[in-house]
């Protein structure tokens, strides 16, 4: 006769806390997101910001995303989530929305790079804008990876 034991429930993996955040795949992307995002706004700020409308948006997106990601990292490190499933939804929505915003900022920074090629102080500002564009696209890629890797845990 077959046993009447209940079927095994599928359990979601626990949200990491403490140093385990840096060892778990979707959450390990937070620190590189912060570091690359910091490089974006440092490099843009190092230029003369010749195109304030374009580079102002880049500065806003990179700085606000960097600060919010830092708060999210601190909350994971100290375990403020208390293993609630709502934090996965929050994390996924935040990183998905930020990936879209960062993509727009990266494209605008690439446009500013192209426009700064023939300006005054051309070599220096062009190189700084090129590096900022590179880090903006890398940061965008990291946010996309983080947003989608939550679904494949």
C-alpha atoms as a PDB file:
ATOM      1  CA  UNK A   1       0.000   0.000   0.000  1.00  0.00           C
ATOM      2  CA  UNK A   2       1.287   3.440  -0.857  1.00  0.00           C
ATOM      3  CA  UNK A   3       2.237   5.725   1.959  1.00  0.00           C
ATOM      4  CA  UNK A   4       0.008   8.691   2.588  1.00  0.00           C
ATOM      5  CA  UNK A   5       2.836  11.119   3.275  1.00  0.00           C
ATOM      6  CA  UNK A   6       2.361  14.616   1.894  1.00  0.00           C
ATOM      7  CA  UNK A   7       4.356  15.489  -1.208  1.00  0.00           C
ATOM      8  CA  UNK A   8       7.574  17.392  -0.675  1.00  0.00           C
ATOM      9  CA  UNK A   9       6.938  21.086  -0.936  1.00  0.00           C
ATOM     10  CA  UNK A  10       9.180  23.018  -3.245  1.00  0.00           C
ATOM     11  CA  UNK A  11      11.020  25.514  -1.135  1.00  0.00           C
ATOM     12  CA  UNK A  12      12.600  28.690  -2.350  1.00  0.00           C
ATOM     13  CA  UNK A  13      16.235  29.192  -1.417  1.00  0.00           C
ATOM     14  CA  UNK A  14      16.753  31.451   1.562  1.00  0.00           C
ATOM     15  CA  UNK A  15      17.831  35.019   0.973  1.00  0.00           C
ATOM     16  CA  UNK A  16      21.469  35.507   1.940  1.00  0.00           C
ATOM     17  CA  UNK A  17      22.612  37.593   4.873  1.00  0.00           C
ATOM     18  CA  UNK A  18      26.059  38.693   5.936  1.00  0.00           C
ATOM     19  CA  UNK A  19      29.078  37.655   3.874  1.00  0.00           C
ATOM     20  CA  UNK A  20      26.990  35.027   2.041  1.00  0.00           C
ATOM     21  CA  UNK A  21      25.628  37.899  -0.072  1.00  0.00           C
ATOM     22  CA  UNK A  22      28.933  38.013  -1.944  1.00  0.00           C
ATOM     23  CA  UNK A  23      28.808  34.265  -2.674  1.00  0.00           C
ATOM     24  CA  UNK A  24      25.241  34.014  -3.989  1.00  0.00           C
ATOM     25  CA  UNK A  25      24.807  34.532  -7.719  1.00  0.00           C
ATOM     26  CA  UNK A  26      22.219  37.278  -8.174  1.00  0.00           C
ATOM     27  CA  UNK A  27      23.247  39.198  -5.076  1.00  0.00           C
ATOM     28  CA  UNK A  28      26.977  39.030  -5.832  1.00  0.00           C
ATOM     29  CA  UNK A  29      26.344  41.479  -8.691  1.00  0.00           C
ATOM     30  CA  UNK A  30      25.439  44.310  -6.290  1.00  0.00           C
ATOM     31  CA  UNK A  31      29.020  45.256  -5.398  1.00  0.00           C
ATOM     32  CA  UNK A  32      30.242  45.374  -9.031  1.00  0.00           C
ATOM     33  CA  UNK A  33      27.131  47.419  -9.910  1.00  0.00           C
ATOM     34  CA  UNK A  34      28.048  49.928  -7.219  1.00  0.00           C
ATOM     35  CA  UNK A  35      31.714  50.080  -8.233  1.00  0.00           C
ATOM     36  CA  UNK A  36      31.085  50.454 -11.971  1.00  0.00           C
ATOM     37  CA  UNK A  37      28.282  52.950 -11.337  1.00  0.00           C
ATOM     38  CA  UNK A  38      30.617  54.975  -9.136  1.00  0.00           C
ATOM     39  CA  UNK A  39      33.156  55.075 -11.959  1.00  0.00           C
ATOM     40  CA  UNK A  40      30.477  56.375 -14.318  1.00  0.00           C
ATOM     41  CA  UNK A  41      29.614  59.404 -12.257  1.00  0.00           C
ATOM     42  CA  UNK A  42      33.244  60.098 -11.284  1.00  0.00           C
ATOM     43  CA  UNK A  43      34.314  60.052 -14.935  1.00  0.00           C
ATOM     44  CA  UNK A  44      31.391  62.198 -16.076  1.00  0.00           C
ATOM     45  CA  UNK A  45      32.055  64.662 -13.252  1.00  0.00           C
ATOM     46  CA  UNK A  46      35.717  64.840 -14.313  1.00  0.00           C
ATOM     47  CA  UNK A  47      34.714  66.246 -17.702  1.00  0.00           C
ATOM     48  CA  UNK A  48      33.510  69.776 -18.210  1.00  0.00           C
ATOM     49  CA  UNK A  49      29.939  68.462 -18.634  1.00  0.00           C
ATOM     50  CA  UNK A  50      29.650  70.202 -21.988  1.00  0.00           C
ATOM     51  CA  UNK A  51      26.193  68.754 -22.617  1.00  0.00           C
ATOM     52  CA  UNK A  52      24.304  69.293 -19.352  1.00  0.00           C
ATOM     53  CA  UNK A  53      21.022  67.810 -20.535  1.00  0.00           C
ATOM     54  CA  UNK A  54      22.655  64.564 -21.658  1.00  0.00           C
ATOM     55  CA  UNK A  55      25.222  64.173 -18.941  1.00  0.00           C
ATOM     56  CA  UNK A  56      22.927  65.502 -16.236  1.00  0.00           C
ATOM     57  CA  UNK A  57      20.660  62.508 -16.792  1.00  0.00           C
ATOM     58  CA  UNK A  58      23.693  60.209 -16.714  1.00  0.00           C
ATOM     59  CA  UNK A  59      24.803  61.733 -13.418  1.00  0.00           C
ATOM     60  CA  UNK A  60      21.303  61.456 -11.929  1.00  0.00           C
ATOM     61  CA  UNK A  61      20.835  57.812 -12.927  1.00  0.00           C
ATOM     62  CA  UNK A  62      24.314  56.701 -11.896  1.00  0.00           C
ATOM     63  CA  UNK A  63      24.353  58.521  -8.563  1.00  0.00           C
ATOM     64  CA  UNK A  64      20.825  57.584  -7.480  1.00  0.00           C
ATOM     65  CA  UNK A  65      21.271  53.965  -8.601  1.00  0.00           C
ATOM     66  CA  UNK A  66      24.566  53.763  -6.789  1.00  0.00           C
ATOM     67  CA  UNK A  67      23.065  55.056  -3.542  1.00  0.00           C
ATOM     68  CA  UNK A  68      19.958  52.849  -3.716  1.00  0.00           C
ATOM     69  CA  UNK A  69      22.080  49.791  -4.527  1.00  0.00           C
ATOM     70  CA  UNK A  70      24.311  50.613  -1.578  1.00  0.00           C
ATOM     71  CA  UNK A  71      21.261  50.761   0.704  1.00  0.00           C
ATOM     72  CA  UNK A  72      20.057  47.456  -0.733  1.00  0.00           C
ATOM     73  CA  UNK A  73      23.472  45.867  -0.140  1.00  0.00           C
ATOM     74  CA  UNK A  74      23.528  47.115   3.457  1.00  0.00           C
ATOM     75  CA  UNK A  75      20.031  45.767   4.024  1.00  0.00           C
ATOM     76  CA  UNK A  76      21.113  42.343   2.712  1.00  0.00           C
ATOM     77  CA  UNK A  77      24.304  42.354   4.757  1.00  0.00           C
ATOM     78  CA  UNK A  78      22.463  43.103   8.003  1.00  0.00           C
ATOM     79  CA  UNK A  79      19.534  40.797   7.202  1.00  0.00           C
ATOM     80  CA  UNK A  80      16.772  43.395   7.213  1.00  0.00           C
ATOM     81  CA  UNK A  81      14.825  41.218   4.740  1.00  0.00           C
ATOM     82  CA  UNK A  82      14.063  38.556   7.376  1.00  0.00           C
ATOM     83  CA  UNK A  83      13.854  36.036   4.503  1.00  0.00           C
ATOM     84  CA  UNK A  84      10.646  37.552   3.135  1.00  0.00           C
ATOM     85  CA  UNK A  85       9.645  36.689  -0.431  1.00  0.00           C
ATOM     86  CA  UNK A  86       8.650  40.322  -1.013  1.00  0.00           C
ATOM     87  CA  UNK A  87      12.336  41.236  -1.082  1.00  0.00           C
ATOM     88  CA  UNK A  88      12.862  39.102  -4.194  1.00  0.00           C
ATOM     89  CA  UNK A  89      10.073  40.982  -5.948  1.00  0.00           C
ATOM     90  CA  UNK A  90      11.471  44.320  -4.787  1.00  0.00           C
ATOM     91  CA  UNK A  91      14.964  43.342  -5.893  1.00  0.00           C
ATOM     92  CA  UNK A  92      13.771  42.152  -9.289  1.00  0.00           C
ATOM     93  CA  UNK A  93      11.636  45.232  -9.950  1.00  0.00           C
ATOM     94  CA  UNK A  94      14.363  47.612  -8.808  1.00  0.00           C
ATOM     95  CA  UNK A  95      17.073  46.017 -10.920  1.00  0.00           C
ATOM     96  CA  UNK A  96      14.806  45.707 -13.956  1.00  0.00           C
ATOM     97  CA  UNK A  97      13.774  49.363 -13.812  1.00  0.00           C
ATOM     98  CA  UNK A  98      17.328  50.473 -13.150  1.00  0.00           C
ATOM     99  CA  UNK A  99      18.585  48.441 -16.112  1.00  0.00           C
ATOM    100  CA  UNK A 100      16.182  50.350 -18.371  1.00  0.00           C
ATOM    101  CA  UNK A 101      17.226  53.708 -16.901  1.00  0.00           C
ATOM    102  CA  UNK A 102      20.903  52.818 -17.160  1.00  0.00           C
ATOM    103  CA  UNK A 103      20.485  51.778 -20.793  1.00  0.00           C
ATOM    104  CA  UNK A 104      19.076  55.218 -21.585  1.00  0.00           C
ATOM    105  CA  UNK A 105      21.908  56.868 -19.649  1.00  0.00           C
ATOM    106  CA  UNK A 106      24.537  54.760 -21.419  1.00  0.00           C
ATOM    107  CA  UNK A 107      23.159  55.688 -24.840  1.00  0.00           C
ATOM    108  CA  UNK A 108      23.096  59.379 -23.905  1.00  0.00           C
ATOM    109  CA  UNK A 109      26.652  59.148 -22.583  1.00  0.00           C
ATOM    110  CA  UNK A 110      27.756  57.515 -25.840  1.00  0.00           C
ATOM    111  CA  UNK A 111      26.117  60.414 -27.692  1.00  0.00           C
ATOM    112  CA  UNK A 112      27.994  62.898 -25.484  1.00  0.00           C
ATOM    113  CA  UNK A 113      31.208  60.989 -26.235  1.00  0.00           C
ATOM    114  CA  UNK A 114      30.683  61.299 -29.973  1.00  0.00           C
ATOM    115  CA  UNK A 115      29.868  64.997 -29.670  1.00  0.00           C
ATOM    116  CA  UNK A 116      32.943  65.677 -27.499  1.00  0.00           C
ATOM    117  CA  UNK A 117      35.327  64.234 -30.079  1.00  0.00           C
ATOM    118  CA  UNK A 118      35.884  67.530 -31.865  1.00  0.00           C
ATOM    119  CA  UNK A 119      35.470  69.953 -28.950  1.00  0.00           C
ATOM    120  CA  UNK A 120      38.064  71.945 -27.041  1.00  0.00           C
ATOM    121  CA  UNK A 121      40.361  69.848 -24.835  1.00  0.00           C
ATOM    122  CA  UNK A 122      39.365  67.079 -27.182  1.00  0.00           C
ATOM    123  CA  UNK A 123      41.743  64.249 -26.252  1.00  0.00           C
ATOM    124  CA  UNK A 124      41.242  64.444 -22.493  1.00  0.00           C
ATOM    125  CA  UNK A 125      37.455  64.874 -22.431  1.00  0.00           C
ATOM    126  CA  UNK A 126      36.977  62.371 -25.226  1.00  0.00           C
ATOM    127  CA  UNK A 127      38.936  59.749 -23.290  1.00  0.00           C
ATOM    128  CA  UNK A 128      37.032  60.468 -20.073  1.00  0.00           C
ATOM    129  CA  UNK A 129      33.696  60.309 -21.886  1.00  0.00           C
ATOM    130  CA  UNK A 130      34.735  57.078 -23.630  1.00  0.00           C
ATOM    131  CA  UNK A 131      35.614  55.481 -20.301  1.00  0.00           C
ATOM    132  CA  UNK A 132      32.319  56.699 -18.801  1.00  0.00           C
ATOM    133  CA  UNK A 133      30.417  55.193 -21.742  1.00  0.00           C
ATOM    134  CA  UNK A 134      32.243  51.888 -21.321  1.00  0.00           C
ATOM    135  CA  UNK A 135      31.427  51.687 -17.609  1.00  0.00           C
ATOM    136  CA  UNK A 136      27.832  52.776 -18.233  1.00  0.00           C
ATOM    137  CA  UNK A 137      27.278  49.868 -20.616  1.00  0.00           C
ATOM    138  CA  UNK A 138      29.037  47.429 -18.254  1.00  0.00           C
ATOM    139  CA  UNK A 139      26.835  48.638 -15.394  1.00  0.00           C
ATOM    140  CA  UNK A 140      23.747  48.247 -17.572  1.00  0.00           C
ATOM    141  CA  UNK A 141      24.778  44.685 -18.343  1.00  0.00           C
ATOM    142  CA  UNK A 142      25.283  43.948 -14.632  1.00  0.00           C
ATOM    143  CA  UNK A 143      21.826  45.294 -13.742  1.00  0.00           C
ATOM    144  CA  UNK A 144      20.252  43.189 -16.523  1.00  0.00           C
ATOM    145  CA  UNK A 145      22.099  40.083 -15.311  1.00  0.00           C
ATOM    146  CA  UNK A 146      20.953  40.705 -11.766  1.00  0.00           C
ATOM    147  CA  UNK A 147      17.331  41.303 -12.739  1.00  0.00           C
ATOM    148  CA  UNK A 148      17.063  38.115 -14.800  1.00  0.00           C
ATOM    149  CA  UNK A 149      19.169  35.833 -12.620  1.00  0.00           C
ATOM    150  CA  UNK A 150      16.650  36.139  -9.786  1.00  0.00           C
ATOM    151  CA  UNK A 151      14.174  34.141 -11.891  1.00  0.00           C
ATOM    152  CA  UNK A 152      16.635  31.285 -12.435  1.00  0.00           C
ATOM    153  CA  UNK A 153      17.444  30.493  -8.816  1.00  0.00           C
END
